Amino acid sequence: MSPIASLSRREREIMDALYALGRATVADVRKRIPEPPGYSAVRALLRILEEKGHVRHEEDGPRYVYLPVVTAKRAQKKAVSHLVETFFQGSAERAVAALIDDTKLSHDEIERIERLIAAARKKGS
């Protein structure tokens, strides 16, 4: 499977739609992406994504229903890892610092982050 980062803009839009929907027909995908190309173009892109190993299909009568091969959670982890490696020299600390500097966090969000850090400390001990 090629890395998700190597996908075209349209391929990423289609993957985003599939992750949001879980499973979808070509028509479902077209409804979910901005300024969608024609039906045949979306079908061709789904076939390419299938060849690249990102998508699989199931037959539902006369139509294909497409599903992501990798779960959304696994794809999210891969994407974050790629982001941290590419832009923060592999440093989670730098990535978190950038998020905190550029985001107005609510009191509740800060408390949840503190709980995550506390859980990570316990896990590391």
N, C-alpha and C. Protein backbone atom coordinates (compact mmCIF):
# COMPACT_ATOMS: atom_id res chain seq x y z
N MET A 1 0.84 -1.17 0.00
CA MET A 1 0.00 0.00 0.00
C MET A 1 0.89 1.23 0.00
N SER A 2 0.59 2.15 -0.89
CA SER A 2 1.35 3.40 -0.93
C SER A 2 0.94 4.27 0.25
N PRO A 3 1.84 5.13 0.72
CA PRO A 3 1.48 5.99 1.85
C PRO A 3 0.35 6.94 1.48
N ILE A 4 -0.49 7.24 2.45
CA ILE A 4 -1.63 8.14 2.23
C ILE A 4 -1.15 9.51 1.78
N ALA A 5 0.05 9.90 2.22
CA ALA A 5 0.60 11.21 1.85
C ALA A 5 0.87 11.31 0.35
N SER A 6 1.02 10.17 -0.31
CA SER A 6 1.32 10.19 -1.75
C SER A 6 0.07 10.24 -2.61
N LEU A 7 -1.10 10.31 -2.00
CA LEU A 7 -2.33 10.36 -2.77
C LEU A 7 -2.57 11.75 -3.33
N SER A 8 -3.26 11.79 -4.45
CA SER A 8 -3.64 13.08 -5.04
C SER A 8 -4.71 13.73 -4.16
N ARG A 9 -4.98 14.99 -4.43
CA ARG A 9 -6.01 15.71 -3.67
C ARG A 9 -7.35 14.99 -3.78
N ARG A 10 -7.74 14.59 -4.98
CA ARG A 10 -9.02 13.91 -5.19
C ARG A 10 -9.05 12.56 -4.47
N GLU A 11 -7.93 11.83 -4.54
CA GLU A 11 -7.88 10.54 -3.85
C GLU A 11 -8.04 10.73 -2.34
N ARG A 12 -7.41 11.78 -1.80
CA ARG A 12 -7.56 12.05 -0.36
C ARG A 12 -9.00 12.44 -0.02
N GLU A 13 -9.63 13.23 -0.89
CA GLU A 13 -11.04 13.60 -0.66
C GLU A 13 -11.92 12.36 -0.63
N ILE A 14 -11.66 11.43 -1.54
CA ILE A 14 -12.44 10.20 -1.58
C ILE A 14 -12.20 9.37 -0.32
N MET A 15 -10.94 9.28 0.11
CA MET A 15 -10.63 8.54 1.33
C MET A 15 -11.32 9.20 2.53
N ASP A 16 -11.29 10.53 2.59
CA ASP A 16 -11.97 11.25 3.68
C ASP A 16 -13.46 10.90 3.69
N ALA A 17 -14.06 10.86 2.51
CA ALA A 17 -15.49 10.53 2.41
C ALA A 17 -15.73 9.10 2.89
N LEU A 18 -14.87 8.17 2.49
CA LEU A 18 -15.05 6.78 2.92
C LEU A 18 -14.87 6.63 4.42
N TYR A 19 -13.89 7.35 5.00
CA TYR A 19 -13.72 7.27 6.45
C TYR A 19 -14.94 7.86 7.17
N ALA A 20 -15.49 8.92 6.64
CA ALA A 20 -16.66 9.54 7.26
C ALA A 20 -17.90 8.64 7.15
N LEU A 21 -18.04 7.99 6.01
CA LEU A 21 -19.23 7.19 5.76
C LEU A 21 -19.08 5.73 6.20
N GLY A 22 -17.85 5.24 6.25
CA GLY A 22 -17.61 3.84 6.61
C GLY A 22 -17.65 2.92 5.41
N ARG A 23 -18.67 3.03 4.64
CA ARG A 23 -18.83 2.27 3.39
C ARG A 23 -19.71 3.11 2.48
N ALA A 24 -19.43 3.07 1.18
CA ALA A 24 -20.16 3.98 0.30
C ALA A 24 -20.12 3.51 -1.14
N THR A 25 -21.16 3.88 -1.87
CA THR A 25 -21.19 3.68 -3.31
C THR A 25 -20.52 4.89 -3.97
N VAL A 26 -20.33 4.81 -5.26
CA VAL A 26 -19.78 5.95 -6.00
C VAL A 26 -20.67 7.18 -5.81
N ALA A 27 -21.96 6.99 -5.89
CA ALA A 27 -22.91 8.11 -5.72
C ALA A 27 -22.77 8.73 -4.33
N ASP A 28 -22.62 7.89 -3.30
CA ASP A 28 -22.45 8.39 -1.93
C ASP A 28 -21.18 9.23 -1.83
N VAL A 29 -20.11 8.76 -2.43
CA VAL A 29 -18.83 9.48 -2.39
C VAL A 29 -18.98 10.82 -3.09
N ARG A 30 -19.63 10.81 -4.25
CA ARG A 30 -19.80 12.07 -5.01
C ARG A 30 -20.56 13.11 -4.20
N LYS A 31 -21.53 12.69 -3.42
CA LYS A 31 -22.31 13.63 -2.60
C LYS A 31 -21.45 14.23 -1.48
N ARG A 32 -20.41 13.54 -1.11
CA ARG A 32 -19.62 13.92 0.08
C ARG A 32 -18.43 14.81 -0.25
N ILE A 33 -17.98 14.84 -1.51
CA ILE A 33 -16.77 15.61 -1.83
C ILE A 33 -17.13 16.92 -2.52
N PRO A 34 -16.31 17.95 -2.28
CA PRO A 34 -16.58 19.26 -2.90
C PRO A 34 -16.34 19.23 -4.41
N GLU A 35 -17.22 19.89 -5.12
CA GLU A 35 -17.12 19.98 -6.58
C GLU A 35 -16.69 18.64 -7.18
N PRO A 36 -17.52 17.62 -7.02
CA PRO A 36 -17.12 16.28 -7.44
C PRO A 36 -16.98 16.16 -8.95
N PRO A 37 -16.00 15.36 -9.35
CA PRO A 37 -15.92 15.06 -10.78
C PRO A 37 -17.08 14.13 -11.15
N GLY A 38 -17.18 13.78 -12.40
CA GLY A 38 -18.27 12.93 -12.86
C GLY A 38 -18.23 11.54 -12.24
N TYR A 39 -19.33 10.83 -12.40
CA TYR A 39 -19.48 9.48 -11.85
C TYR A 39 -18.35 8.57 -12.31
N SER A 40 -18.07 8.58 -13.59
CA SER A 40 -17.02 7.70 -14.14
C SER A 40 -15.65 8.03 -13.58
N ALA A 41 -15.37 9.31 -13.37
CA ALA A 41 -14.07 9.71 -12.81
C ALA A 41 -13.93 9.23 -11.37
N VAL A 42 -14.99 9.35 -10.58
CA VAL A 42 -14.94 8.88 -9.19
C VAL A 42 -14.77 7.36 -9.17
N ARG A 43 -15.50 6.68 -10.03
CA ARG A 43 -15.37 5.22 -10.13
C ARG A 43 -13.94 4.83 -10.50
N ALA A 44 -13.34 5.55 -11.43
CA ALA A 44 -11.96 5.27 -11.83
C ALA A 44 -10.98 5.53 -10.68
N LEU A 45 -11.21 6.61 -9.94
CA LEU A 45 -10.34 6.91 -8.79
C LEU A 45 -10.47 5.85 -7.71
N LEU A 46 -11.67 5.36 -7.48
CA LEU A 46 -11.87 4.28 -6.50
C LEU A 46 -11.14 3.01 -6.95
N ARG A 47 -11.17 2.74 -8.25
CA ARG A 47 -10.45 1.58 -8.77
C ARG A 47 -8.94 1.74 -8.55
N ILE A 48 -8.43 2.96 -8.78
CA ILE A 48 -7.01 3.24 -8.55
C ILE A 48 -6.68 3.07 -7.07
N LEU A 49 -7.53 3.60 -6.20
CA LEU A 49 -7.31 3.45 -4.75
C LEU A 49 -7.34 1.98 -4.35
N GLU A 50 -8.16 1.21 -5.03
CA GLU A 50 -8.21 -0.23 -4.75
C GLU A 50 -6.90 -0.89 -5.20
N GLU A 51 -6.41 -0.51 -6.37
CA GLU A 51 -5.14 -1.05 -6.87
C GLU A 51 -3.97 -0.68 -5.95
N LYS A 52 -4.04 0.50 -5.35
CA LYS A 52 -2.99 0.96 -4.43
C LYS A 52 -3.12 0.31 -3.05
N GLY A 53 -4.24 -0.39 -2.81
CA GLY A 53 -4.43 -1.09 -1.55
C GLY A 53 -5.10 -0.30 -0.45
N HIS A 54 -5.69 0.85 -0.78
CA HIS A 54 -6.35 1.68 0.23
C HIS A 54 -7.82 1.34 0.42
N VAL A 55 -8.42 0.76 -0.62
CA VAL A 55 -9.87 0.54 -0.66
C VAL A 55 -10.13 -0.88 -1.14
N ARG A 56 -11.23 -1.43 -0.66
CA ARG A 56 -11.73 -2.69 -1.22
C ARG A 56 -13.21 -2.51 -1.52
N HIS A 57 -13.75 -3.43 -2.29
CA HIS A 57 -15.18 -3.30 -2.59
C HIS A 57 -15.90 -4.61 -2.30
N GLU A 58 -17.20 -4.47 -2.08
CA GLU A 58 -18.10 -5.61 -1.95
C GLU A 58 -19.21 -5.39 -2.96
N GLU A 59 -19.72 -6.48 -3.49
CA GLU A 59 -20.83 -6.35 -4.43
C GLU A 59 -22.14 -6.34 -3.65
N ASP A 60 -22.98 -5.40 -3.99
CA ASP A 60 -24.31 -5.29 -3.39
C ASP A 60 -25.29 -5.24 -4.56
N GLY A 61 -25.68 -6.42 -5.01
CA GLY A 61 -26.50 -6.49 -6.22
C GLY A 61 -25.66 -6.02 -7.40
N PRO A 62 -26.19 -5.09 -8.18
CA PRO A 62 -25.47 -4.63 -9.37
C PRO A 62 -24.42 -3.55 -9.08
N ARG A 63 -24.32 -3.10 -7.84
CA ARG A 63 -23.40 -1.99 -7.56
C ARG A 63 -22.29 -2.44 -6.62
N TYR A 64 -21.21 -1.68 -6.65
CA TYR A 64 -20.10 -1.90 -5.73
C TYR A 64 -20.24 -0.95 -4.54
N VAL A 65 -19.93 -1.47 -3.37
CA VAL A 65 -19.87 -0.66 -2.15
C VAL A 65 -18.40 -0.68 -1.73
N TYR A 66 -17.83 0.49 -1.54
CA TYR A 66 -16.40 0.63 -1.23
C TYR A 66 -16.18 0.86 0.25
N LEU A 67 -15.07 0.29 0.75
CA LEU A 67 -14.71 0.41 2.16
C LEU A 67 -13.21 0.67 2.26
N PRO A 68 -12.78 1.47 3.23
CA PRO A 68 -11.34 1.64 3.42
C PRO A 68 -10.75 0.33 3.94
N VAL A 69 -9.53 0.01 3.52
CA VAL A 69 -8.85 -1.20 3.98
C VAL A 69 -8.34 -1.02 5.40
N VAL A 70 -7.81 0.15 5.68
CA VAL A 70 -7.26 0.47 7.00
C VAL A 70 -8.32 1.23 7.79
N THR A 71 -8.46 0.93 9.07
CA THR A 71 -9.43 1.64 9.89
C THR A 71 -9.07 3.12 9.97
N ALA A 72 -10.06 3.93 10.26
CA ALA A 72 -9.84 5.37 10.40
C ALA A 72 -8.83 5.64 11.51
N LYS A 73 -8.92 4.90 12.60
CA LYS A 73 -8.01 5.10 13.74
C LYS A 73 -6.56 4.80 13.33
N ARG A 74 -6.36 3.71 12.60
CA ARG A 74 -5.01 3.35 12.14
C ARG A 74 -4.49 4.39 11.15
N ALA A 75 -5.34 4.84 10.24
CA ALA A 75 -4.93 5.86 9.27
C ALA A 75 -4.58 7.16 9.99
N GLN A 76 -5.35 7.49 11.02
CA GLN A 76 -5.09 8.69 11.81
C GLN A 76 -3.71 8.60 12.47
N LYS A 77 -3.40 7.46 13.05
CA LYS A 77 -2.10 7.28 13.70
C LYS A 77 -0.96 7.41 12.69
N LYS A 78 -1.14 6.80 11.52
CA LYS A 78 -0.11 6.90 10.48
C LYS A 78 0.07 8.34 10.03
N ALA A 79 -1.03 9.06 9.86
CA ALA A 79 -0.97 10.45 9.40
C ALA A 79 -0.27 11.33 10.43
N VAL A 80 -0.61 11.13 11.70
CA VAL A 80 0.02 11.93 12.76
C VAL A 80 1.51 11.61 12.84
N SER A 81 1.85 10.34 12.75
CA SER A 81 3.27 9.95 12.77
C SER A 81 4.03 10.61 11.62
N HIS A 82 3.41 10.60 10.44
CA HIS A 82 4.03 11.22 9.27
C HIS A 82 4.20 12.72 9.49
N LEU A 83 3.18 13.36 10.03
CA LEU A 83 3.23 14.80 10.32
C LEU A 83 4.34 15.12 11.31
N VAL A 84 4.42 14.36 12.39
CA VAL A 84 5.44 14.59 13.42
C VAL A 84 6.84 14.39 12.83
N GLU A 85 7.02 13.34 12.05
CA GLU A 85 8.32 13.08 11.43
C GLU A 85 8.70 14.18 10.44
N THR A 86 7.74 14.59 9.62
CA THR A 86 8.02 15.54 8.54
C THR A 86 8.24 16.96 9.04
N PHE A 87 7.41 17.42 9.95
CA PHE A 87 7.45 18.83 10.33
C PHE A 87 8.05 19.11 11.70
N PHE A 88 8.21 18.07 12.52
CA PHE A 88 8.69 18.29 13.89
C PHE A 88 9.89 17.41 14.23
N GLN A 89 10.62 16.95 13.20
CA GLN A 89 11.82 16.15 13.37
C GLN A 89 11.59 14.97 14.31
N GLY A 90 10.41 14.39 14.26
CA GLY A 90 10.09 13.22 15.07
C GLY A 90 9.78 13.53 16.52
N SER A 91 9.68 14.79 16.88
CA SER A 91 9.45 15.18 18.27
C SER A 91 7.97 15.44 18.54
N ALA A 92 7.37 14.54 19.33
CA ALA A 92 5.98 14.74 19.74
C ALA A 92 5.86 16.01 20.58
N GLU A 93 6.89 16.28 21.37
CA GLU A 93 6.88 17.49 22.21
C GLU A 93 6.75 18.74 21.35
N ARG A 94 7.51 18.82 20.26
CA ARG A 94 7.43 19.99 19.37
C ARG A 94 6.04 20.09 18.72
N ALA A 95 5.48 18.94 18.34
CA ALA A 95 4.16 18.94 17.72
C ALA A 95 3.10 19.44 18.70
N VAL A 96 3.14 18.94 19.92
CA VAL A 96 2.18 19.37 20.94
C VAL A 96 2.37 20.85 21.24
N ALA A 97 3.62 21.29 21.34
CA ALA A 97 3.88 22.71 21.61
C ALA A 97 3.29 23.58 20.50
N ALA A 98 3.44 23.17 19.26
CA ALA A 98 2.87 23.93 18.15
C ALA A 98 1.35 23.99 18.23
N LEU A 99 0.73 22.88 18.59
CA LEU A 99 -0.72 22.86 18.73
C LEU A 99 -1.18 23.76 19.87
N ILE A 100 -0.48 23.71 20.98
CA ILE A 100 -0.87 24.53 22.12
C ILE A 100 -0.66 26.01 21.82
N ASP A 101 0.44 26.34 21.14
CA ASP A 101 0.71 27.74 20.81
C ASP A 101 -0.32 28.32 19.85
N ASP A 102 -0.82 27.49 18.94
CA ASP A 102 -1.70 27.99 17.87
C ASP A 102 -3.19 27.73 18.12
N THR A 103 -3.53 27.18 19.28
CA THR A 103 -4.92 26.82 19.54
C THR A 103 -5.37 27.39 20.87
N LYS A 104 -6.58 27.94 20.86
CA LYS A 104 -7.16 28.39 22.13
C LYS A 104 -7.87 27.20 22.74
N LEU A 105 -7.29 26.65 23.80
CA LEU A 105 -7.85 25.48 24.44
C LEU A 105 -8.79 25.89 25.56
N SER A 106 -9.90 25.18 25.65
CA SER A 106 -10.83 25.43 26.76
C SER A 106 -10.27 24.78 28.02
N HIS A 107 -10.84 25.16 29.15
CA HIS A 107 -10.45 24.56 30.43
C HIS A 107 -10.64 23.04 30.38
N ASP A 108 -11.76 22.59 29.82
CA ASP A 108 -12.04 21.15 29.73
C ASP A 108 -11.01 20.43 28.85
N GLU A 109 -10.63 21.06 27.73
CA GLU A 109 -9.63 20.45 26.86
C GLU A 109 -8.29 20.32 27.58
N ILE A 110 -7.91 21.35 28.30
CA ILE A 110 -6.65 21.30 29.05
C ILE A 110 -6.70 20.18 30.08
N GLU A 111 -7.81 20.02 30.76
CA GLU A 111 -7.95 18.95 31.75
C GLU A 111 -7.85 17.58 31.09
N ARG A 112 -8.48 17.41 29.92
CA ARG A 112 -8.39 16.13 29.22
C ARG A 112 -6.95 15.85 28.79
N ILE A 113 -6.25 16.86 28.31
CA ILE A 113 -4.85 16.69 27.92
C ILE A 113 -4.01 16.32 29.14
N GLU A 114 -4.26 16.96 30.27
CA GLU A 114 -3.53 16.63 31.50
C GLU A 114 -3.77 15.17 31.89
N ARG A 115 -5.01 14.69 31.74
CA ARG A 115 -5.31 13.29 32.06
C ARG A 115 -4.58 12.34 31.10
N LEU A 116 -4.50 12.72 29.84
CA LEU A 116 -3.77 11.89 28.87
C LEU A 116 -2.29 11.82 29.22
N ILE A 117 -1.73 12.94 29.62
CA ILE A 117 -0.32 12.98 30.02
C ILE A 117 -0.11 12.12 31.27
N ALA A 118 -1.01 12.24 32.24
CA ALA A 118 -0.90 11.42 33.46
C ALA A 118 -0.98 9.94 33.14
N ALA A 119 -1.89 9.56 32.23
CA ALA A 119 -2.00 8.16 31.83
C ALA A 119 -0.74 7.69 31.11
N ALA A 120 -0.16 8.56 30.28
CA ALA A 120 1.08 8.21 29.59
C ALA A 120 2.22 8.02 30.58
N ARG A 121 2.26 8.85 31.63
CA ARG A 121 3.29 8.69 32.66
C ARG A 121 3.16 7.34 33.36
N LYS A 122 1.91 6.99 33.71
CA LYS A 122 1.69 5.69 34.37
C LYS A 122 2.07 4.53 33.48
N LYS A 123 1.73 4.64 32.22
CA LYS A 123 2.03 3.60 31.25
C LYS A 123 3.54 3.44 31.08
N GLY A 124 4.26 4.56 31.12
CA GLY A 124 5.73 4.54 30.94
C GLY A 124 6.47 4.06 32.17
N SER A 125 5.84 4.07 33.33
CA SER A 125 6.52 3.67 34.56
C SER A 125 6.64 2.18 34.71
